[in-house]
């Protein structure tokens, strides 16, 4: 085999190997152009997701419960949606766990101590860390019987 035939043969092999792996990767199961990639809301591809907890888990003012990426907080007495707040459970700065600090009536990141109002507004950005933070996402809540549901949209 001369040099030209050798290069053509090798070139075809490389081309087939590369194009085959690219086609297989593009056609892998579950690849639908990215619509199944979870977004920061916890939904999939922008589709709303409902997260529900029992009201008994939030029986007293200041009670909190995290469920499927939502932090539920009881902020006042009563059984109406306005008695509760539902927000993302992880800080938008670097994913630190968020906890409600009832005595100060604020939500605080356990990683860099960023602080937020219960309406999601920023009180203070991350401490001893570079970068900034955005306001927290607040989810719409509905009460149905003995449960509260947040809609992550």
C-alpha atoms as a PDB file:
ATOM      1  CA  UNK A   1       0.000   0.000   0.000  1.00  0.00           C
ATOM      2  CA  UNK A   2       1.397   3.389  -0.892  1.00  0.00           C
ATOM      3  CA  UNK A   3       1.310   6.473   1.312  1.00  0.00           C
ATOM      4  CA  UNK A   4      -1.762   8.002  -0.358  1.00  0.00           C
ATOM      5  CA  UNK A   5      -3.870   4.828   0.026  1.00  0.00           C
ATOM      6  CA  UNK A   6      -2.710   4.474   3.615  1.00  0.00           C
ATOM      7  CA  UNK A   7      -3.762   8.048   4.504  1.00  0.00           C
ATOM      8  CA  UNK A   8      -7.148   7.608   2.824  1.00  0.00           C
ATOM      9  CA  UNK A   9      -7.776   4.337   4.667  1.00  0.00           C
ATOM     10  CA  UNK A  10      -6.709   5.733   8.035  1.00  0.00           C
ATOM     11  CA  UNK A  11      -8.667   8.954   7.411  1.00  0.00           C
ATOM     12  CA  UNK A  12     -11.855   7.030   6.650  1.00  0.00           C
ATOM     13  CA  UNK A  13     -11.424   4.990   9.827  1.00  0.00           C
ATOM     14  CA  UNK A  14     -10.914   8.067  11.973  1.00  0.00           C
ATOM     15  CA  UNK A  15     -13.868   9.809  10.335  1.00  0.00           C
ATOM     16  CA  UNK A  16     -16.172   6.806  10.913  1.00  0.00           C
ATOM     17  CA  UNK A  17     -15.039   6.404  14.522  1.00  0.00           C
ATOM     18  CA  UNK A  18     -15.560  10.086  15.312  1.00  0.00           C
ATOM     19  CA  UNK A  19     -18.866  10.459  13.514  1.00  0.00           C
ATOM     20  CA  UNK A  20     -20.197   7.234  15.004  1.00  0.00           C
ATOM     21  CA  UNK A  21     -19.434   8.308  18.564  1.00  0.00           C
ATOM     22  CA  UNK A  22     -20.919  11.753  17.926  1.00  0.00           C
ATOM     23  CA  UNK A  23     -24.112  10.260  16.528  1.00  0.00           C
ATOM     24  CA  UNK A  24     -24.405   7.798  19.390  1.00  0.00           C
ATOM     25  CA  UNK A  25     -23.927  10.573  21.943  1.00  0.00           C
ATOM     26  CA  UNK A  26     -26.557  12.731  20.271  1.00  0.00           C
ATOM     27  CA  UNK A  27     -29.047   9.887  20.124  1.00  0.00           C
ATOM     28  CA  UNK A  28     -28.543   8.573  23.652  1.00  0.00           C
ATOM     29  CA  UNK A  29     -31.677   7.851  25.649  1.00  0.00           C
ATOM     30  CA  UNK A  30     -33.089  10.809  27.485  1.00  0.00           C
ATOM     31  CA  UNK A  31     -31.459  13.397  25.228  1.00  0.00           C
ATOM     32  CA  UNK A  32     -34.227  15.681  24.141  1.00  0.00           C
ATOM     33  CA  UNK A  33     -32.281  18.855  23.660  1.00  0.00           C
ATOM     34  CA  UNK A  34     -31.918  19.562  27.373  1.00  0.00           C
ATOM     35  CA  UNK A  35     -35.559  19.822  28.424  1.00  0.00           C
ATOM     36  CA  UNK A  36     -35.044  17.217  31.177  1.00  0.00           C
ATOM     37  CA  UNK A  37     -32.205  19.109  32.817  1.00  0.00           C
ATOM     38  CA  UNK A  38     -33.383  20.318  36.236  1.00  0.00           C
ATOM     39  CA  UNK A  39     -33.553  24.091  36.489  1.00  0.00           C
ATOM     40  CA  UNK A  40     -32.786  26.121  39.593  1.00  0.00           C
ATOM     41  CA  UNK A  41     -36.431  25.997  40.539  1.00  0.00           C
ATOM     42  CA  UNK A  42     -36.256  22.243  40.863  1.00  0.00           C
ATOM     43  CA  UNK A  43     -38.638  21.735  37.969  1.00  0.00           C
ATOM     44  CA  UNK A  44     -37.680  20.078  34.725  1.00  0.00           C
ATOM     45  CA  UNK A  45     -37.190  22.245  31.686  1.00  0.00           C
ATOM     46  CA  UNK A  46     -39.295  25.072  33.114  1.00  0.00           C
ATOM     47  CA  UNK A  47     -42.327  22.883  33.807  1.00  0.00           C
ATOM     48  CA  UNK A  48     -43.997  23.663  37.163  1.00  0.00           C
ATOM     49  CA  UNK A  49     -43.535  21.173  39.985  1.00  0.00           C
ATOM     50  CA  UNK A  50     -45.768  20.977  43.065  1.00  0.00           C
ATOM     51  CA  UNK A  51     -44.219  20.198  46.453  1.00  0.00           C
ATOM     52  CA  UNK A  52     -46.529  19.361  49.367  1.00  0.00           C
ATOM     53  CA  UNK A  53     -46.042  19.021  53.136  1.00  0.00           C
ATOM     54  CA  UNK A  54     -48.457  18.403  55.991  1.00  0.00           C
ATOM     55  CA  UNK A  55     -49.561  21.448  57.957  1.00  0.00           C
ATOM     56  CA  UNK A  56     -48.871  19.444  61.121  1.00  0.00           C
ATOM     57  CA  UNK A  57     -45.152  19.723  60.254  1.00  0.00           C
ATOM     58  CA  UNK A  58     -45.538  23.507  60.509  1.00  0.00           C
ATOM     59  CA  UNK A  59     -47.739  23.690  63.597  1.00  0.00           C
ATOM     60  CA  UNK A  60     -46.096  26.635  65.367  1.00  0.00           C
ATOM     61  CA  UNK A  61     -44.940  30.063  64.221  1.00  0.00           C
ATOM     62  CA  UNK A  62     -41.289  29.764  63.201  1.00  0.00           C
ATOM     63  CA  UNK A  63     -41.579  26.081  62.270  1.00  0.00           C
ATOM     64  CA  UNK A  64     -39.803  25.128  59.054  1.00  0.00           C
ATOM     65  CA  UNK A  65     -39.524  22.079  56.847  1.00  0.00           C
ATOM     66  CA  UNK A  66     -37.484  21.391  53.740  1.00  0.00           C
ATOM     67  CA  UNK A  67     -39.014  19.142  51.094  1.00  0.00           C
ATOM     68  CA  UNK A  68     -37.780  18.564  47.514  1.00  0.00           C
ATOM     69  CA  UNK A  69     -35.826  21.809  47.315  1.00  0.00           C
ATOM     70  CA  UNK A  70     -38.470  23.973  49.003  1.00  0.00           C
ATOM     71  CA  UNK A  71     -38.119  25.561  52.428  1.00  0.00           C
ATOM     72  CA  UNK A  72     -41.587  25.952  53.986  1.00  0.00           C
ATOM     73  CA  UNK A  73     -41.850  28.396  56.908  1.00  0.00           C
ATOM     74  CA  UNK A  74     -44.801  29.288  59.125  1.00  0.00           C
ATOM     75  CA  UNK A  75     -44.534  33.045  59.684  1.00  0.00           C
ATOM     76  CA  UNK A  76     -47.830  33.678  61.524  1.00  0.00           C
ATOM     77  CA  UNK A  77     -50.857  32.017  63.118  1.00  0.00           C
ATOM     78  CA  UNK A  78     -53.721  30.893  60.928  1.00  0.00           C
ATOM     79  CA  UNK A  79     -54.386  28.396  58.196  1.00  0.00           C
ATOM     80  CA  UNK A  80     -54.223  30.679  55.158  1.00  0.00           C
ATOM     81  CA  UNK A  81     -51.491  30.872  52.542  1.00  0.00           C
ATOM     82  CA  UNK A  82     -50.400  34.246  53.937  1.00  0.00           C
ATOM     83  CA  UNK A  83     -49.389  32.483  57.179  1.00  0.00           C
ATOM     84  CA  UNK A  84     -46.628  30.651  55.300  1.00  0.00           C
ATOM     85  CA  UNK A  85     -43.659  31.303  53.047  1.00  0.00           C
ATOM     86  CA  UNK A  86     -42.193  28.815  50.591  1.00  0.00           C
ATOM     87  CA  UNK A  87     -38.789  29.558  49.099  1.00  0.00           C
ATOM     88  CA  UNK A  88     -35.885  27.722  47.546  1.00  0.00           C
ATOM     89  CA  UNK A  89     -34.026  25.711  50.182  1.00  0.00           C
ATOM     90  CA  UNK A  90     -30.500  26.427  48.922  1.00  0.00           C
ATOM     91  CA  UNK A  91     -28.746  29.766  48.765  1.00  0.00           C
ATOM     92  CA  UNK A  92     -28.406  31.077  45.212  1.00  0.00           C
ATOM     93  CA  UNK A  93     -24.805  32.148  45.951  1.00  0.00           C
ATOM     94  CA  UNK A  94     -23.136  28.742  46.308  1.00  0.00           C
ATOM     95  CA  UNK A  95     -25.876  26.331  47.352  1.00  0.00           C
ATOM     96  CA  UNK A  96     -25.590  26.600  51.141  1.00  0.00           C
ATOM     97  CA  UNK A  97     -28.512  25.339  53.201  1.00  0.00           C
ATOM     98  CA  UNK A  98     -31.047  28.029  54.124  1.00  0.00           C
ATOM     99  CA  UNK A  99     -32.623  28.154  57.575  1.00  0.00           C
ATOM    100  CA  UNK A 100     -35.238  30.437  59.064  1.00  0.00           C
ATOM    101  CA  UNK A 101     -34.011  32.396  62.082  1.00  0.00           C
ATOM    102  CA  UNK A 102     -37.302  33.053  63.876  1.00  0.00           C
ATOM    103  CA  UNK A 103     -35.912  35.367  66.550  1.00  0.00           C
ATOM    104  CA  UNK A 104     -34.636  37.736  63.842  1.00  0.00           C
ATOM    105  CA  UNK A 105     -37.434  36.951  61.340  1.00  0.00           C
ATOM    106  CA  UNK A 106     -34.988  36.271  58.502  1.00  0.00           C
ATOM    107  CA  UNK A 107     -33.644  33.445  56.372  1.00  0.00           C
ATOM    108  CA  UNK A 108     -29.905  32.771  56.646  1.00  0.00           C
ATOM    109  CA  UNK A 109     -27.462  30.762  54.542  1.00  0.00           C
ATOM    110  CA  UNK A 110     -25.490  28.311  56.649  1.00  0.00           C
ATOM    111  CA  UNK A 111     -22.473  28.462  54.315  1.00  0.00           C
ATOM    112  CA  UNK A 112     -21.605  32.163  54.024  1.00  0.00           C
ATOM    113  CA  UNK A 113     -24.194  33.794  56.315  1.00  0.00           C
ATOM    114  CA  UNK A 114     -26.059  35.671  53.586  1.00  0.00           C
ATOM    115  CA  UNK A 115     -29.358  36.938  54.981  1.00  0.00           C
ATOM    116  CA  UNK A 116     -32.733  37.351  53.346  1.00  0.00           C
ATOM    117  CA  UNK A 117     -36.128  38.833  54.225  1.00  0.00           C
ATOM    118  CA  UNK A 118     -39.029  36.367  54.336  1.00  0.00           C
ATOM    119  CA  UNK A 119     -40.226  37.960  51.083  1.00  0.00           C
ATOM    120  CA  UNK A 120     -36.908  36.902  49.467  1.00  0.00           C
ATOM    121  CA  UNK A 121     -35.217  40.318  49.530  1.00  0.00           C
ATOM    122  CA  UNK A 122     -31.512  40.515  50.312  1.00  0.00           C
ATOM    123  CA  UNK A 123     -30.554  41.846  53.744  1.00  0.00           C
ATOM    124  CA  UNK A 124     -26.858  41.027  53.487  1.00  0.00           C
ATOM    125  CA  UNK A 125     -24.758  39.263  50.878  1.00  0.00           C
ATOM    126  CA  UNK A 126     -22.332  36.383  51.485  1.00  0.00           C
ATOM    127  CA  UNK A 127     -19.737  36.978  54.193  1.00  0.00           C
ATOM    128  CA  UNK A 128     -16.037  36.132  53.742  1.00  0.00           C
ATOM    129  CA  UNK A 129     -16.675  34.926  50.203  1.00  0.00           C
ATOM    130  CA  UNK A 130     -16.421  36.455  46.770  1.00  0.00           C
ATOM    131  CA  UNK A 131     -19.394  36.889  44.524  1.00  0.00           C
ATOM    132  CA  UNK A 132     -22.851  38.255  44.938  1.00  0.00           C
ATOM    133  CA  UNK A 133     -26.267  36.815  45.543  1.00  0.00           C
ATOM    134  CA  UNK A 134     -29.701  37.356  44.028  1.00  0.00           C
ATOM    135  CA  UNK A 135     -33.000  37.560  45.882  1.00  0.00           C
ATOM    136  CA  UNK A 136     -34.610  34.275  46.879  1.00  0.00           C
ATOM    137  CA  UNK A 137     -37.359  32.786  44.755  1.00  0.00           C
ATOM    138  CA  UNK A 138     -40.663  32.761  46.598  1.00  0.00           C
ATOM    139  CA  UNK A 139     -43.160  30.147  45.481  1.00  0.00           C
ATOM    140  CA  UNK A 140     -46.931  30.468  45.397  1.00  0.00           C
ATOM    141  CA  UNK A 141     -48.627  28.366  48.066  1.00  0.00           C
ATOM    142  CA  UNK A 142     -52.092  26.871  48.390  1.00  0.00           C
ATOM    143  CA  UNK A 143     -53.680  25.093  51.319  1.00  0.00           C
ATOM    144  CA  UNK A 144     -55.860  22.079  50.729  1.00  0.00           C
ATOM    145  CA  UNK A 145     -57.198  20.318  53.791  1.00  0.00           C
ATOM    146  CA  UNK A 146     -54.300  19.376  56.028  1.00  0.00           C
ATOM    147  CA  UNK A 147     -51.518  20.149  53.549  1.00  0.00           C
ATOM    148  CA  UNK A 148     -49.756  23.092  51.964  1.00  0.00           C
ATOM    149  CA  UNK A 149     -48.438  22.995  48.422  1.00  0.00           C
ATOM    150  CA  UNK A 150     -45.810  25.201  46.811  1.00  0.00           C
ATOM    151  CA  UNK A 151     -45.689  25.554  43.031  1.00  0.00           C
ATOM    152  CA  UNK A 152     -42.123  25.755  41.734  1.00  0.00           C
ATOM    153  CA  UNK A 153     -42.515  27.429  38.357  1.00  0.00           C
END
